[in-house]
Amino acid sequence: MDESSVGTSEDLAQRGLRYTKEQFDAVLNQTEDYVREKPAQSLLYAFVAGFVLNRLPIGRVLSGVFRLFALALKPAILIYGATKLYQAAQEEE
């Protein structure tokens, strides 16, 4: 990879980061303005969002995902080990 493409990818990453920060700051400022204009309605929205998030089975979903990951990890490790053994056997020949 030559220097110009490395510089371009770094520049692209920096521009993406700067754009994301600017967008986040804009959304944050809009939210602050809205809360200052309508504090009671904002408080109601926050309460409803908290209530809904409290009722969602997020813990169960994450637990299920973790169990699925743990279940799939054992065969993946076995396949990885078998592949490495096969590669080592091929290199010896």
C-alpha atoms as a PDB file:
ATOM      1  CA  MET A   1       0.000   0.000   0.000  1.00  0.00           C
ATOM      2  CA  ASP A   2       1.511   3.349  -0.972  1.00  0.00           C
ATOM      3  CA  GLU A   3       1.707   6.481   1.179  1.00  0.00           C
ATOM      4  CA  SER A   4      -1.052   8.367  -0.657  1.00  0.00           C
ATOM      5  CA  SER A   5      -3.690   5.728   0.008  1.00  0.00           C
ATOM      6  CA  VAL A   6      -2.658   5.490   3.671  1.00  0.00           C
ATOM      7  CA  GLY A   7      -2.928   9.265   4.025  1.00  0.00           C
ATOM      8  CA  THR A   8      -6.268   9.251   2.264  1.00  0.00           C
ATOM      9  CA  SER A   9      -7.711   6.570   4.530  1.00  0.00           C
ATOM     10  CA  GLU A  10      -6.465   8.410   7.633  1.00  0.00           C
ATOM     11  CA  ASP A  11      -7.939  11.641   6.294  1.00  0.00           C
ATOM     12  CA  LEU A  12     -11.208   9.860   5.587  1.00  0.00           C
ATOM     13  CA  ALA A  13     -11.296   8.454   9.113  1.00  0.00           C
ATOM     14  CA  GLN A  14     -10.594  11.878  10.620  1.00  0.00           C
ATOM     15  CA  ARG A  15     -13.277  13.522   8.502  1.00  0.00           C
ATOM     16  CA  GLY A  16     -15.740  10.808   9.484  1.00  0.00           C
ATOM     17  CA  LEU A  17     -14.922  11.299  13.149  1.00  0.00           C
ATOM     18  CA  ARG A  18     -15.248  15.076  12.856  1.00  0.00           C
ATOM     19  CA  TYR A  19     -18.589  14.734  11.037  1.00  0.00           C
ATOM     20  CA  THR A  20     -19.901  12.336  13.678  1.00  0.00           C
ATOM     21  CA  LYS A  21     -18.862  14.696  16.489  1.00  0.00           C
ATOM     22  CA  GLU A  22     -20.532  17.629  14.761  1.00  0.00           C
ATOM     23  CA  GLN A  23     -23.753  15.685  14.245  1.00  0.00           C
ATOM     24  CA  PHE A  24     -23.742  14.480  17.848  1.00  0.00           C
ATOM     25  CA  ASP A  25     -23.192  18.027  19.114  1.00  0.00           C
ATOM     26  CA  ALA A  26     -26.031  19.308  16.924  1.00  0.00           C
ATOM     27  CA  VAL A  27     -28.430  16.653  18.227  1.00  0.00           C
ATOM     28  CA  LEU A  28     -27.331  17.349  21.801  1.00  0.00           C
ATOM     29  CA  ASN A  29     -27.917  21.086  21.368  1.00  0.00           C
ATOM     30  CA  GLN A  30     -31.355  20.497  19.834  1.00  0.00           C
ATOM     31  CA  THR A  31     -32.263  18.197  22.718  1.00  0.00           C
ATOM     32  CA  GLU A  32     -31.114  20.738  25.298  1.00  0.00           C
ATOM     33  CA  ASP A  33     -33.140  23.481  23.600  1.00  0.00           C
ATOM     34  CA  TYR A  34     -36.238  21.270  23.487  1.00  0.00           C
ATOM     35  CA  VAL A  35     -35.906  20.353  27.164  1.00  0.00           C
ATOM     36  CA  ARG A  36     -35.541  24.019  28.108  1.00  0.00           C
ATOM     37  CA  GLU A  37     -38.626  24.951  26.051  1.00  0.00           C
ATOM     38  CA  LYS A  38     -40.840  22.074  27.252  1.00  0.00           C
ATOM     39  CA  PRO A  39     -39.524  20.646  30.538  1.00  0.00           C
ATOM     40  CA  ALA A  40     -42.768  18.917  31.628  1.00  0.00           C
ATOM     41  CA  GLN A  41     -43.268  17.177  28.300  1.00  0.00           C
ATOM     42  CA  SER A  42     -39.598  16.146  28.239  1.00  0.00           C
ATOM     43  CA  LEU A  43     -39.913  14.688  31.716  1.00  0.00           C
ATOM     44  CA  LEU A  44     -42.995  12.737  30.639  1.00  0.00           C
ATOM     45  CA  TYR A  45     -41.160  11.381  27.579  1.00  0.00           C
ATOM     46  CA  ALA A  46     -38.213  10.350  29.741  1.00  0.00           C
ATOM     47  CA  PHE A  47     -40.525   8.584  32.192  1.00  0.00           C
ATOM     48  CA  VAL A  48     -42.336   6.708  29.409  1.00  0.00           C
ATOM     49  CA  ALA A  49     -39.047   5.707  27.775  1.00  0.00           C
ATOM     50  CA  GLY A  50     -37.684   4.474  31.099  1.00  0.00           C
ATOM     51  CA  PHE A  51     -40.857   2.524  31.808  1.00  0.00           C
ATOM     52  CA  VAL A  52     -40.818   0.866  28.386  1.00  0.00           C
ATOM     53  CA  LEU A  53     -37.126  -0.004  28.663  1.00  0.00           C
ATOM     54  CA  ASN A  54     -37.727  -1.409  32.143  1.00  0.00           C
ATOM     55  CA  ARG A  55     -40.450  -3.699  30.825  1.00  0.00           C
ATOM     56  CA  LEU A  56     -38.473  -5.032  27.895  1.00  0.00           C
ATOM     57  CA  PRO A  57     -36.833  -8.400  28.520  1.00  0.00           C
ATOM     58  CA  ILE A  58     -33.363  -7.053  27.742  1.00  0.00           C
ATOM     59  CA  GLY A  59     -31.707  -9.261  30.365  1.00  0.00           C
ATOM     60  CA  ARG A  60     -33.312 -12.377  28.953  1.00  0.00           C
ATOM     61  CA  VAL A  61     -32.403 -11.450  25.399  1.00  0.00           C
ATOM     62  CA  LEU A  62     -28.765 -10.812  26.321  1.00  0.00           C
ATOM     63  CA  SER A  63     -28.704 -14.020  28.345  1.00  0.00           C
ATOM     64  CA  GLY A  64     -30.018 -15.960  25.352  1.00  0.00           C
ATOM     65  CA  VAL A  65     -27.461 -14.402  23.034  1.00  0.00           C
ATOM     66  CA  PHE A  66     -24.657 -15.246  25.463  1.00  0.00           C
ATOM     67  CA  ARG A  67     -25.865 -18.855  25.778  1.00  0.00           C
ATOM     68  CA  LEU A  68     -26.030 -19.170  21.998  1.00  0.00           C
ATOM     69  CA  PHE A  69     -22.523 -17.738  21.694  1.00  0.00           C
ATOM     70  CA  ALA A  70     -21.178 -20.117  24.348  1.00  0.00           C
ATOM     71  CA  LEU A  71     -22.891 -23.056  22.652  1.00  0.00           C
ATOM     72  CA  ALA A  72     -21.455 -22.142  19.241  1.00  0.00           C
ATOM     73  CA  LEU A  73     -17.992 -21.402  20.596  1.00  0.00           C
ATOM     74  CA  LYS A  74     -17.084 -25.021  21.407  1.00  0.00           C
ATOM     75  CA  PRO A  75     -17.577 -26.372  17.849  1.00  0.00           C
ATOM     76  CA  ALA A  76     -15.860 -23.282  16.433  1.00  0.00           C
ATOM     77  CA  ILE A  77     -12.788 -23.925  18.571  1.00  0.00           C
ATOM     78  CA  LEU A  78     -12.824 -27.586  17.535  1.00  0.00           C
ATOM     79  CA  ILE A  79     -13.006 -26.670  13.840  1.00  0.00           C
ATOM     80  CA  TYR A  80     -10.254 -24.079  14.269  1.00  0.00           C
ATOM     81  CA  GLY A  81      -8.018 -26.647  15.951  1.00  0.00           C
ATOM     82  CA  ALA A  82      -8.691 -29.231  13.260  1.00  0.00           C
ATOM     83  CA  THR A  83      -7.859 -26.677  10.576  1.00  0.00           C
ATOM     84  CA  LYS A  84      -4.570 -25.793  12.264  1.00  0.00           C
ATOM     85  CA  LEU A  85      -3.712 -29.495  12.551  1.00  0.00           C
ATOM     86  CA  TYR A  86      -4.467 -29.999   8.862  1.00  0.00           C
ATOM     87  CA  GLN A  87      -2.305 -27.010   7.923  1.00  0.00           C
ATOM     88  CA  ALA A  88       0.561 -28.315  10.063  1.00  0.00           C
ATOM     89  CA  ALA A  89       0.269 -31.747   8.431  1.00  0.00           C
ATOM     90  CA  GLN A  90       0.304 -30.178   4.968  1.00  0.00           C
ATOM     91  CA  GLU A  91       3.418 -28.155   5.781  1.00  0.00           C
ATOM     92  CA  GLU A  92       5.281 -31.281   6.939  1.00  0.00           C
ATOM     93  CA  GLU A  93       4.685 -33.073   3.629  1.00  0.00           C
END
